[in-house]
PDB file of N, CA and C in Angstrom:
ATOM      1  N   UNK A   1      16.845   8.566   3.969  1.00  0.00           N
ATOM      2  CA  UNK A   1      15.780   8.411   3.158  1.00  0.00           C
ATOM      3  C   UNK A   1      16.153   8.546   1.768  1.00  0.00           C
ATOM      4  N   UNK A   2      17.168   9.365   1.506  1.00  0.00           N
ATOM      5  CA  UNK A   2      17.746   9.621   0.044  1.00  0.00           C
ATOM      6  C   UNK A   2      18.149   8.292  -0.327  1.00  0.00           C
ATOM      7  N   UNK A   3      18.971   7.601   0.297  1.00  0.00           N
ATOM      8  CA  UNK A   3      19.633   6.328   0.004  1.00  0.00           C
ATOM      9  C   UNK A   3      18.420   5.353  -0.310  1.00  0.00           C
ATOM     10  N   UNK A   4      17.370   5.295   0.457  1.00  0.00           N
ATOM     11  CA  UNK A   4      16.233   4.530   0.234  1.00  0.00           C
ATOM     12  C   UNK A   4      15.765   4.642  -1.048  1.00  0.00           C
ATOM     13  N   UNK A   5      15.521   5.992  -1.518  1.00  0.00           N
ATOM     14  CA  UNK A   5      14.906   6.261  -2.627  1.00  0.00           C
ATOM     15  C   UNK A   5      15.882   6.134  -3.963  1.00  0.00           C
ATOM     16  N   UNK A   6      17.006   6.212  -3.680  1.00  0.00           N
ATOM     17  CA  UNK A   6      17.963   5.836  -4.652  1.00  0.00           C
ATOM     18  C   UNK A   6      17.972   4.087  -4.895  1.00  0.00           C
ATOM     19  N   UNK A   7      17.898   3.544  -3.854  1.00  0.00           N
ATOM     20  CA  UNK A   7      17.838   2.060  -3.915  1.00  0.00           C
ATOM     21  C   UNK A   7      16.332   1.475  -4.762  1.00  0.00           C
ATOM     22  N   UNK A   8      15.297   2.436  -4.358  1.00  0.00           N
ATOM     23  CA  UNK A   8      14.057   1.990  -4.946  1.00  0.00           C
ATOM     24  C   UNK A   8      14.153   2.078  -6.297  1.00  0.00           C
ATOM     25  N   UNK A   9      14.511   3.189  -6.695  1.00  0.00           N
ATOM     26  CA  UNK A   9      14.842   3.685  -8.333  1.00  0.00           C
ATOM     27  C   UNK A   9      15.590   2.741  -8.957  1.00  0.00           C
ATOM     28  N   UNK A  10      16.652   2.196  -8.363  1.00  0.00           N
ATOM     29  CA  UNK A  10      17.604   1.100  -9.090  1.00  0.00           C
ATOM     30  C   UNK A  10      16.766  -0.096  -9.177  1.00  0.00           C
ATOM     31  N   UNK A  11      16.045  -0.573  -8.214  1.00  0.00           N
ATOM     32  CA  UNK A  11      15.298  -1.761  -8.257  1.00  0.00           C
ATOM     33  C   UNK A  11      14.158  -1.725  -9.411  1.00  0.00           C
ATOM     34  N   UNK A  12      13.397  -0.599  -9.296  1.00  0.00           N
ATOM     35  CA  UNK A  12      12.343  -0.383 -10.352  1.00  0.00           C
ATOM     36  C   UNK A  12      13.031  -0.222 -11.587  1.00  0.00           C
ATOM     37  N   UNK A  13      13.988   0.530 -11.719  1.00  0.00           N
ATOM     38  CA  UNK A  13      14.716   0.455 -13.105  1.00  0.00           C
ATOM     39  C   UNK A  13      15.084  -0.691 -13.708  1.00  0.00           C
ATOM     40  N   UNK A  14      15.644  -1.541 -12.836  1.00  0.00           N
ATOM     41  CA  UNK A  14      16.143  -2.845 -13.370  1.00  0.00           C
ATOM     42  C   UNK A  14      15.099  -3.988 -13.183  1.00  0.00           C
ATOM     43  N   UNK A  15      13.848  -3.675 -13.040  1.00  0.00           N
ATOM     44  CA  UNK A  15      12.623  -4.539 -12.988  1.00  0.00           C
ATOM     45  C   UNK A  15      13.029  -5.832 -12.095  1.00  0.00           C
ATOM     46  N   UNK A  16      13.593  -5.583 -10.905  1.00  0.00           N
ATOM     47  CA  UNK A  16      13.777  -6.666 -10.066  1.00  0.00           C
ATOM     48  C   UNK A  16      12.280  -6.956  -9.222  1.00  0.00           C
ATOM     49  N   UNK A  17      11.473  -6.187  -9.136  1.00  0.00           N
ATOM     50  CA  UNK A  17      10.266  -6.584  -8.544  1.00  0.00           C
ATOM     51  C   UNK A  17       9.076  -5.725  -9.465  1.00  0.00           C
ATOM     52  N   UNK A  18       7.933  -6.580  -9.436  1.00  0.00           N
ATOM     53  CA  UNK A  18       6.726  -5.863  -9.951  1.00  0.00           C
ATOM     54  C   UNK A  18       6.445  -4.435  -9.429  1.00  0.00           C
ATOM     55  N   UNK A  19       6.181  -3.558 -10.164  1.00  0.00           N
ATOM     56  CA  UNK A  19       5.727  -2.313  -9.809  1.00  0.00           C
ATOM     57  C   UNK A  19       4.435  -1.693 -10.440  1.00  0.00           C
ATOM     58  N   UNK A  20       3.497  -1.279  -9.732  1.00  0.00           N
ATOM     59  CA  UNK A  20       2.398  -0.473 -10.185  1.00  0.00           C
ATOM     60  C   UNK A  20       2.774   0.887 -10.648  1.00  0.00           C
ATOM     61  N   UNK A  21       2.153   1.251 -11.674  1.00  0.00           N
ATOM     62  CA  UNK A  21       2.728   2.604 -12.441  1.00  0.00           C
ATOM     63  C   UNK A  21       1.463   3.686 -11.963  1.00  0.00           C
ATOM     64  N   UNK A  22       0.409   3.115 -11.448  1.00  0.00           N
ATOM     65  CA  UNK A  22      -0.665   4.053 -11.345  1.00  0.00           C
ATOM     66  C   UNK A  22      -1.050   3.908  -9.979  1.00  0.00           C
ATOM     67  N   UNK A  23      -1.794   4.851  -9.125  1.00  0.00           N
ATOM     68  CA  UNK A  23      -2.240   4.854  -7.923  1.00  0.00           C
ATOM     69  C   UNK A  23      -3.453   4.166  -7.825  1.00  0.00           C
ATOM     70  N   UNK A  24      -3.770   3.341  -6.697  1.00  0.00           N
ATOM     71  CA  UNK A  24      -4.886   2.876  -6.021  1.00  0.00           C
ATOM     72  C   UNK A  24      -5.664   3.723  -5.182  1.00  0.00           C
ATOM     73  N   UNK A  25      -6.751   3.487  -5.080  1.00  0.00           N
ATOM     74  CA  UNK A  25      -7.931   4.253  -4.262  1.00  0.00           C
ATOM     75  C   UNK A  25      -8.084   3.437  -3.100  1.00  0.00           C
ATOM     76  N   UNK A  26      -7.756   4.202  -1.904  1.00  0.00           N
ATOM     77  CA  UNK A  26      -7.994   3.530  -0.568  1.00  0.00           C
ATOM     78  C   UNK A  26      -9.428   3.699  -0.188  1.00  0.00           C
ATOM     79  N   UNK A  27     -10.181   2.660   0.149  1.00  0.00           N
ATOM     80  CA  UNK A  27     -11.617   2.885   0.455  1.00  0.00           C
ATOM     81  C   UNK A  27     -11.997   2.621   1.937  1.00  0.00           C
ATOM     82  N   UNK A  28     -11.012   2.192   2.701  1.00  0.00           N
ATOM     83  CA  UNK A  28     -11.382   2.004   4.221  1.00  0.00           C
ATOM     84  C   UNK A  28      -9.994   1.858   4.708  1.00  0.00           C
ATOM     85  N   UNK A  29      -9.837   2.591   6.018  1.00  0.00           N
ATOM     86  CA  UNK A  29      -8.752   2.522   6.739  1.00  0.00           C
ATOM     87  C   UNK A  29      -9.092   2.231   8.317  1.00  0.00           C
ATOM     88  N   UNK A  30      -8.254   1.207   8.857  1.00  0.00           N
ATOM     89  CA  UNK A  30      -8.491   1.039  10.351  1.00  0.00           C
ATOM     90  C   UNK A  30      -6.994   1.151  10.955  1.00  0.00           C
ATOM     91  N   UNK A  31      -6.967   0.930  12.220  1.00  0.00           N
ATOM     92  CA  UNK A  31      -5.703   1.024  12.863  1.00  0.00           C
ATOM     93  C   UNK A  31      -4.769  -0.238  12.481  1.00  0.00           C
ATOM     94  N   UNK A  32      -5.400  -1.210  11.883  1.00  0.00           N
ATOM     95  CA  UNK A  32      -4.587  -2.420  11.710  1.00  0.00           C
ATOM     96  C   UNK A  32      -4.488  -2.578  10.316  1.00  0.00           C
ATOM     97  N   UNK A  33      -5.038  -1.892   9.344  1.00  0.00           N
ATOM     98  CA  UNK A  33      -4.912  -2.185   7.947  1.00  0.00           C
ATOM     99  C   UNK A  33      -5.704  -1.205   6.947  1.00  0.00           C
ATOM    100  N   UNK A  34      -5.637  -1.552   5.807  1.00  0.00           N
ATOM    101  CA  UNK A  34      -6.501  -0.770   4.969  1.00  0.00           C
ATOM    102  C   UNK A  34      -7.245  -1.629   3.910  1.00  0.00           C
ATOM    103  N   UNK A  35      -8.213  -1.060   2.876  1.00  0.00           N
ATOM    104  CA  UNK A  35      -8.512  -1.738   1.994  1.00  0.00           C
ATOM    105  C   UNK A  35      -8.439  -0.700   0.659  1.00  0.00           C
ATOM    106  N   UNK A  36      -8.130  -1.092  -0.484  1.00  0.00           N
ATOM    107  CA  UNK A  36      -7.907  -0.376  -1.603  1.00  0.00           C
ATOM    108  C   UNK A  36      -8.212  -1.065  -2.862  1.00  0.00           C
ATOM    109  N   UNK A  37      -8.767  -0.375  -3.929  1.00  0.00           N
ATOM    110  CA  UNK A  37      -8.926  -0.747  -5.108  1.00  0.00           C
ATOM    111  C   UNK A  37      -8.045  -0.306  -5.987  1.00  0.00           C
ATOM    112  N   UNK A  38      -7.843  -1.089  -7.193  1.00  0.00           N
ATOM    113  CA  UNK A  38      -6.866  -0.672  -8.202  1.00  0.00           C
ATOM    114  C   UNK A  38      -7.232  -1.001  -9.594  1.00  0.00           C
ATOM    115  N   UNK A  39      -7.157  -0.271 -10.712  1.00  0.00           N
ATOM    116  CA  UNK A  39      -7.569  -0.771 -11.986  1.00  0.00           C
ATOM    117  C   UNK A  39      -6.835  -2.140 -12.297  1.00  0.00           C
ATOM    118  N   UNK A  40      -7.558  -2.970 -12.838  1.00  0.00           N
ATOM    119  CA  UNK A  40      -6.893  -4.387 -13.077  1.00  0.00           C
ATOM    120  C   UNK A  40      -5.522  -4.403 -13.938  1.00  0.00           C
ATOM    121  N   UNK A  41      -4.588  -5.071 -13.296  1.00  0.00           N
ATOM    122  CA  UNK A  41      -3.516  -5.106 -14.024  1.00  0.00           C
ATOM    123  C   UNK A  41      -3.071  -6.543 -13.723  1.00  0.00           C
ATOM    124  N   UNK A  42      -3.725  -7.502 -14.602  1.00  0.00           N
ATOM    125  CA  UNK A  42      -3.685  -8.989 -14.215  1.00  0.00           C
ATOM    126  C   UNK A  42      -2.142  -9.270 -14.111  1.00  0.00           C
ATOM    127  N   UNK A  43      -1.175  -8.890 -15.082  1.00  0.00           N
ATOM    128  CA  UNK A  43       0.062  -9.287 -15.234  1.00  0.00           C
ATOM    129  C   UNK A  43       0.796  -8.986 -13.910  1.00  0.00           C
ATOM    130  N   UNK A  44       0.548  -8.112 -13.106  1.00  0.00           N
ATOM    131  CA  UNK A  44       1.141  -7.701 -11.912  1.00  0.00           C
ATOM    132  C   UNK A  44       0.397  -8.712 -10.717  1.00  0.00           C
ATOM    133  N   UNK A  45      -0.852  -8.441 -10.681  1.00  0.00           N
ATOM    134  CA  UNK A  45      -1.746  -8.913  -9.494  1.00  0.00           C
ATOM    135  C   UNK A  45      -1.768 -10.344  -9.334  1.00  0.00           C
ATOM    136  N   UNK A  46      -1.600 -11.086 -10.414  1.00  0.00           N
ATOM    137  CA  UNK A  46      -1.842 -12.590 -10.399  1.00  0.00           C
ATOM    138  C   UNK A  46      -0.507 -13.196  -9.877  1.00  0.00           C
ATOM    139  N   UNK A  47       0.376 -12.413  -9.644  1.00  0.00           N
ATOM    140  CA  UNK A  47       1.636 -12.785  -9.018  1.00  0.00           C
ATOM    141  C   UNK A  47       1.696 -12.752  -7.437  1.00  0.00           C
ATOM    142  N   UNK A  48       0.528 -12.184  -6.985  1.00  0.00           N
ATOM    143  CA  UNK A  48       0.658 -11.889  -5.525  1.00  0.00           C
ATOM    144  C   UNK A  48      -0.213 -12.842  -4.846  1.00  0.00           C
ATOM    145  N   UNK A  49      -0.062 -13.297  -3.694  1.00  0.00           N
ATOM    146  CA  UNK A  49      -0.754 -14.209  -2.880  1.00  0.00           C
ATOM    147  C   UNK A  49      -1.134 -13.773  -1.363  1.00  0.00           C
ATOM    148  N   UNK A  50      -2.080 -14.296  -0.972  1.00  0.00           N
ATOM    149  CA  UNK A  50      -2.260 -13.956   0.602  1.00  0.00           C
ATOM    150  C   UNK A  50      -1.076 -14.067   1.577  1.00  0.00           C
ATOM    151  N   UNK A  51      -0.930 -13.220   2.386  1.00  0.00           N
ATOM    152  CA  UNK A  51       0.291 -13.223   3.301  1.00  0.00           C
ATOM    153  C   UNK A  51       1.544 -12.643   2.720  1.00  0.00           C
ATOM    154  N   UNK A  52       1.480 -12.302   1.453  1.00  0.00           N
ATOM    155  CA  UNK A  52       2.736 -11.639   0.788  1.00  0.00           C
ATOM    156  C   UNK A  52       2.587 -10.195   1.274  1.00  0.00           C
ATOM    157  N   UNK A  53       3.841  -9.555   1.429  1.00  0.00           N
ATOM    158  CA  UNK A  53       3.885  -8.265   1.770  1.00  0.00           C
ATOM    159  C   UNK A  53       4.194  -7.272   0.770  1.00  0.00           C
ATOM    160  N   UNK A  54       3.331  -6.237   0.592  1.00  0.00           N
ATOM    161  CA  UNK A  54       3.509  -5.198  -0.339  1.00  0.00           C
ATOM    162  C   UNK A  54       4.193  -3.944   0.331  1.00  0.00           C
ATOM    163  N   UNK A  55       4.984  -3.310  -0.333  1.00  0.00           N
ATOM    164  CA  UNK A  55       5.564  -1.878   0.032  1.00  0.00           C
ATOM    165  C   UNK A  55       4.851  -0.894  -0.853  1.00  0.00           C
ATOM    166  N   UNK A  56       4.312   0.217  -0.184  1.00  0.00           N
ATOM    167  CA  UNK A  56       3.661   1.199  -1.010  1.00  0.00           C
ATOM    168  C   UNK A  56       3.744   2.571  -0.247  1.00  0.00           C
ATOM    169  N   UNK A  57       3.732   3.567  -1.077  1.00  0.00           N
ATOM    170  CA  UNK A  57       3.425   5.022  -0.615  1.00  0.00           C
ATOM    171  C   UNK A  57       2.136   5.313  -0.245  1.00  0.00           C
ATOM    172  N   UNK A  58       1.934   5.676   0.993  1.00  0.00           N
ATOM    173  CA  UNK A  58       0.516   6.069   1.386  1.00  0.00           C
ATOM    174  C   UNK A  58       0.662   7.556   1.945  1.00  0.00           C
ATOM    175  N   UNK A  59      -0.196   8.282   1.658  1.00  0.00           N
ATOM    176  CA  UNK A  59      -0.323   9.676   1.864  1.00  0.00           C
ATOM    177  C   UNK A  59      -1.721  10.062   2.483  1.00  0.00           C
ATOM    178  N   UNK A  60      -1.592  10.437   3.870  1.00  0.00           N
ATOM    179  CA  UNK A  60      -2.816  11.001   4.306  1.00  0.00           C
ATOM    180  C   UNK A  60      -3.070  12.452   4.219  1.00  0.00           C
ATOM    181  N   UNK A  61      -4.253  13.005   4.262  1.00  0.00           N
ATOM    182  CA  UNK A  61      -4.356  14.407   3.961  1.00  0.00           C
ATOM    183  C   UNK A  61      -3.418  15.234   4.998  1.00  0.00           C
ATOM    184  N   UNK A  62      -2.943  16.416   4.352  1.00  0.00           N
ATOM    185  CA  UNK A  62      -2.013  17.301   5.043  1.00  0.00           C
ATOM    186  C   UNK A  62      -0.770  16.595   5.576  1.00  0.00           C
ATOM    187  N   UNK A  63      -0.373  15.342   5.182  1.00  0.00           N
ATOM    188  CA  UNK A  63       0.820  14.688   5.740  1.00  0.00           C
ATOM    189  C   UNK A  63       1.727  14.303   4.589  1.00  0.00           C
ATOM    190  N   UNK A  64       2.854  14.179   4.736  1.00  0.00           N
ATOM    191  CA  UNK A  64       3.893  13.760   3.824  1.00  0.00           C
ATOM    192  C   UNK A  64       3.600  12.281   3.415  1.00  0.00           C
ATOM    193  N   UNK A  65       3.995  11.868   2.330  1.00  0.00           N
ATOM    194  CA  UNK A  65       3.727  10.353   2.093  1.00  0.00           C
ATOM    195  C   UNK A  65       4.962   9.481   2.857  1.00  0.00           C
ATOM    196  N   UNK A  66       4.525   8.305   3.211  1.00  0.00           N
ATOM    197  CA  UNK A  66       5.429   7.543   3.873  1.00  0.00           C
ATOM    198  C   UNK A  66       5.290   6.048   3.081  1.00  0.00           C
ATOM    199  N   UNK A  67       6.349   5.393   3.359  1.00  0.00           N
ATOM    200  CA  UNK A  67       6.379   4.016   2.858  1.00  0.00           C
ATOM    201  C   UNK A  67       5.852   2.894   3.859  1.00  0.00           C
ATOM    202  N   UNK A  68       4.776   2.270   3.571  1.00  0.00           N
ATOM    203  CA  UNK A  68       4.198   1.311   4.440  1.00  0.00           C
ATOM    204  C   UNK A  68       4.408   0.024   3.852  1.00  0.00           C
ATOM    205  N   UNK A  69       4.408  -0.972   4.905  1.00  0.00           N
ATOM    206  CA  UNK A  69       4.365  -2.420   4.402  1.00  0.00           C
ATOM    207  C   UNK A  69       3.094  -3.073   4.966  1.00  0.00           C
ATOM    208  N   UNK A  70       2.615  -3.971   4.202  1.00  0.00           N
ATOM    209  CA  UNK A  70       1.321  -4.706   4.844  1.00  0.00           C
ATOM    210  C   UNK A  70       1.177  -6.000   3.845  1.00  0.00           C
ATOM    211  N   UNK A  71       0.589  -6.975   4.626  1.00  0.00           N
ATOM    212  CA  UNK A  71       0.338  -8.227   4.235  1.00  0.00           C
ATOM    213  C   UNK A  71      -1.008  -8.235   3.500  1.00  0.00           C
ATOM    214  N   UNK A  72      -1.032  -8.910   2.220  1.00  0.00           N
ATOM    215  CA  UNK A  72      -2.210  -9.078   1.633  1.00  0.00           C
ATOM    216  C   UNK A  72      -3.020 -10.050   2.478  1.00  0.00           C
ATOM    217  N   UNK A  73      -4.433  -9.793   2.874  1.00  0.00           N
ATOM    218  CA  UNK A  73      -5.223 -10.694   3.503  1.00  0.00           C
ATOM    219  C   UNK A  73      -6.381 -11.222   2.450  1.00  0.00           C
ATOM    220  N   UNK A  74      -6.734 -10.491   1.577  1.00  0.00           N
ATOM    221  CA  UNK A  74      -7.764 -10.715   0.939  1.00  0.00           C
ATOM    222  C   UNK A  74      -7.685 -10.061  -0.612  1.00  0.00           C
ATOM    223  N   UNK A  75      -8.095 -10.686  -1.650  1.00  0.00           N
ATOM    224  CA  UNK A  75      -8.177  -9.834  -2.789  1.00  0.00           C
ATOM    225  C   UNK A  75      -9.512 -10.487  -3.689  1.00  0.00           C
ATOM    226  N   UNK A  76     -10.230  -9.461  -4.503  1.00  0.00           N
ATOM    227  CA  UNK A  76     -11.359 -10.109  -5.173  1.00  0.00           C
ATOM    228  C   UNK A  76     -11.524  -9.007  -6.272  1.00  0.00           C
ATOM    229  N   UNK A  77     -12.035  -9.578  -7.312  1.00  0.00           N
ATOM    230  CA  UNK A  77     -12.420  -8.492  -8.496  1.00  0.00           C
ATOM    231  C   UNK A  77     -13.580  -8.037  -8.277  1.00  0.00           C
ATOM    232  N   UNK A  78     -13.609  -6.617  -8.494  1.00  0.00           N
ATOM    233  CA  UNK A  78     -14.749  -5.807  -8.535  1.00  0.00           C
ATOM    234  C   UNK A  78     -14.946  -5.215  -9.829  1.00  0.00           C
ATOM    235  N   UNK A  79     -15.787  -5.793 -10.798  1.00  0.00           N
ATOM    236  CA  UNK A  79     -15.768  -4.966 -12.010  1.00  0.00           C
ATOM    237  C   UNK A  79     -14.470  -5.008 -12.798  1.00  0.00           C
ATOM    238  N   UNK A  80     -14.129  -3.925 -13.093  1.00  0.00           N
ATOM    239  CA  UNK A  80     -12.812  -3.661 -13.807  1.00  0.00           C
ATOM    240  C   UNK A  80     -11.667  -3.405 -12.802  1.00  0.00           C
ATOM    241  N   UNK A  81     -12.058  -3.544 -11.757  1.00  0.00           N
ATOM    242  CA  UNK A  81     -11.026  -3.018 -10.527  1.00  0.00           C
ATOM    243  C   UNK A  81     -10.657  -4.420  -9.611  1.00  0.00           C
ATOM    244  N   UNK A  82      -9.497  -4.418  -9.014  1.00  0.00           N
ATOM    245  CA  UNK A  82      -9.312  -5.339  -7.933  1.00  0.00           C
ATOM    246  C   UNK A  82      -9.398  -4.660  -6.505  1.00  0.00           C
ATOM    247  N   UNK A  83      -9.906  -5.329  -5.650  1.00  0.00           N
ATOM    248  CA  UNK A  83      -9.923  -4.649  -4.187  1.00  0.00           C
ATOM    249  C   UNK A  83      -9.240  -5.600  -3.412  1.00  0.00           C
ATOM    250  N   UNK A  84      -8.158  -5.074  -2.605  1.00  0.00           N
ATOM    251  CA  UNK A  84      -7.273  -5.899  -1.579  1.00  0.00           C
ATOM    252  C   UNK A  84      -7.554  -5.320  -0.308  1.00  0.00           C
ATOM    253  N   UNK A  85      -7.436  -6.234   0.805  1.00  0.00           N
ATOM    254  CA  UNK A  85      -7.564  -5.897   2.093  1.00  0.00           C
ATOM    255  C   UNK A  85      -6.161  -6.273   2.659  1.00  0.00           C
ATOM    256  N   UNK A  86      -5.686  -5.330   3.182  1.00  0.00           N
ATOM    257  CA  UNK A  86      -4.285  -5.444   3.831  1.00  0.00           C
ATOM    258  C   UNK A  86      -4.154  -5.122   5.160  1.00  0.00           C
ATOM    259  N   UNK A  87      -3.193  -5.810   5.842  1.00  0.00           N
ATOM    260  CA  UNK A  87      -2.814  -5.585   7.261  1.00  0.00           C
ATOM    261  C   UNK A  87      -1.265  -5.048   7.447  1.00  0.00           C
ATOM    262  N   UNK A  88      -1.135  -3.818   7.942  1.00  0.00           N
ATOM    263  CA  UNK A  88      -0.213  -3.231   8.241  1.00  0.00           C
ATOM    264  C   UNK A  88       0.826  -4.174   9.036  1.00  0.00           C
ATOM    265  N   UNK A  89       2.031  -4.096   8.731  1.00  0.00           N
ATOM    266  CA  UNK A  89       3.148  -4.739   9.408  1.00  0.00           C
ATOM    267  C   UNK A  89       4.435  -3.809   9.494  1.00  0.00           C
ATOM    268  N   UNK A  90       5.045  -3.844  10.936  1.00  0.00           N
ATOM    269  CA  UNK A  90       6.212  -3.306  11.364  1.00  0.00           C
ATOM    270  C   UNK A  90       6.000  -1.597  11.019  1.00  0.00           C
ATOM    271  N   UNK A  91       4.848  -1.099  11.252  1.00  0.00           N
ATOM    272  CA  UNK A  91       4.756   0.376  11.383  1.00  0.00           C
ATOM    273  C   UNK A  91       5.521   1.051  12.354  1.00  0.00           C
ATOM    274  N   UNK A  92       6.235   2.091  12.035  1.00  0.00           N
ATOM    275  CA  UNK A  92       7.119   2.945  13.058  1.00  0.00           C
ATOM    276  C   UNK A  92       6.079   3.633  13.882  1.00  0.00           C
ATOM    277  N   UNK A  93       6.547   4.079  15.143  1.00  0.00           N
ATOM    278  CA  UNK A  93       5.623   4.883  15.859  1.00  0.00           C
ATOM    279  C   UNK A  93       5.016   6.032  15.257  1.00  0.00           C
ATOM    280  N   UNK A  94       5.742   6.778  14.409  1.00  0.00           N
ATOM    281  CA  UNK A  94       5.450   7.744  13.655  1.00  0.00           C
ATOM    282  C   UNK A  94       4.170   7.439  12.569  1.00  0.00           C
ATOM    283  N   UNK A  95       4.322   6.213  11.884  1.00  0.00           N
ATOM    284  CA  UNK A  95       3.422   5.725  10.818  1.00  0.00           C
ATOM    285  C   UNK A  95       2.022   5.575  11.716  1.00  0.00           C
ATOM    286  N   UNK A  96       2.176   4.936  12.723  1.00  0.00           N
ATOM    287  CA  UNK A  96       1.152   4.465  13.486  1.00  0.00           C
ATOM    288  C   UNK A  96       0.363   5.695  14.054  1.00  0.00           C
ATOM    289  N   UNK A  97       1.039   6.709  14.536  1.00  0.00           N
ATOM    290  CA  UNK A  97       0.483   7.938  14.903  1.00  0.00           C
ATOM    291  C   UNK A  97      -0.306   8.650  14.005  1.00  0.00           C
ATOM    292  N   UNK A  98       0.283   8.639  12.719  1.00  0.00           N
ATOM    293  CA  UNK A  98      -0.272   9.269  11.567  1.00  0.00           C
ATOM    294  C   UNK A  98      -1.699   8.474  11.388  1.00  0.00           C
ATOM    295  N   UNK A  99      -1.755   7.295  11.268  1.00  0.00           N
ATOM    296  CA  UNK A  99      -3.032   6.374  11.196  1.00  0.00           C
ATOM    297  C   UNK A  99      -3.827   6.752  12.163  1.00  0.00           C
ATOM    298  N   UNK A 100      -3.535   6.601  13.571  1.00  0.00           N
ATOM    299  CA  UNK A 100      -4.386   6.795  14.560  1.00  0.00           C
ATOM    300  C   UNK A 100      -5.074   8.292  14.451  1.00  0.00           C
ATOM    301  N   UNK A 101      -4.273   9.369  14.316  1.00  0.00           N
ATOM    302  CA  UNK A 101      -4.807  10.650  14.186  1.00  0.00           C
ATOM    303  C   UNK A 101      -5.718  10.902  12.992  1.00  0.00           C
ATOM    304  N   UNK A 102      -5.515  10.088  11.865  1.00  0.00           N
ATOM    305  CA  UNK A 102      -6.599  10.185  10.797  1.00  0.00           C
ATOM    306  C   UNK A 102      -7.804   9.647  11.249  1.00  0.00           C
ATOM    307  N   UNK A 103      -7.829   8.405  11.640  1.00  0.00           N
ATOM    308  CA  UNK A 103      -9.084   7.678  12.285  1.00  0.00           C
ATOM    309  C   UNK A 103      -9.841   8.762  13.372  1.00  0.00           C
ATOM    310  N   UNK A 104      -8.927   9.334  14.237  1.00  0.00           N
ATOM    311  CA  UNK A 104      -9.802  10.139  15.183  1.00  0.00           C
ATOM    312  C   UNK A 104     -10.357  11.241  14.453  1.00  0.00           C
ATOM    313  N   UNK A 105      -9.733  11.739  13.739  1.00  0.00           N
ATOM    314  CA  UNK A 105     -10.221  12.885  12.705  1.00  0.00           C
ATOM    315  C   UNK A 105     -11.563  12.566  11.932  1.00  0.00           C
ATOM    316  N   UNK A 106     -11.584  11.355  11.444  1.00  0.00           N
ATOM    317  CA  UNK A 106     -12.692  10.867  10.805  1.00  0.00           C
ATOM    318  C   UNK A 106     -13.862  10.566  11.672  1.00  0.00           C
ATOM    319  N   UNK A 107     -13.811  10.158  12.835  1.00  0.00           N
ATOM    320  CA  UNK A 107     -14.834   9.749  13.658  1.00  0.00           C
ATOM    321  C   UNK A 107     -15.741  11.006  14.160  1.00  0.00           C
TER     322      UNK A 107
END
C-alpha cells in the first residue's frame, strides 16, 4: 500500500491525470454502486464520459478509507453541483464486505 501511495503522489504531482482537490458527498449507496454530488469543476468533469472508470478514496463510518474503482453511469448538473451515478468495478472481497455491512447497518 505504501508503494501505491507513492505512485499516486507522483502521478498527481506531475499532473498525469485530472485530480479533484475537494471531497464529494455520497448521497446513495447500493451493493453495486453509489451516487455522489460534487461542487462544479467544469474543467475536470467535462473530460469524463459514461463508462469511464474513476479511482477514488471512499471511507465508511468507523472504517479505514479504501481506494475504489467505479464506472461513470450517469452525470447531471444539480444547481451548483454535479451528481454522478457510479457502478463499482473490481471490488476486493474486503471492499465488498465493507459495503454490504454498511447497507445492512442502514436497513
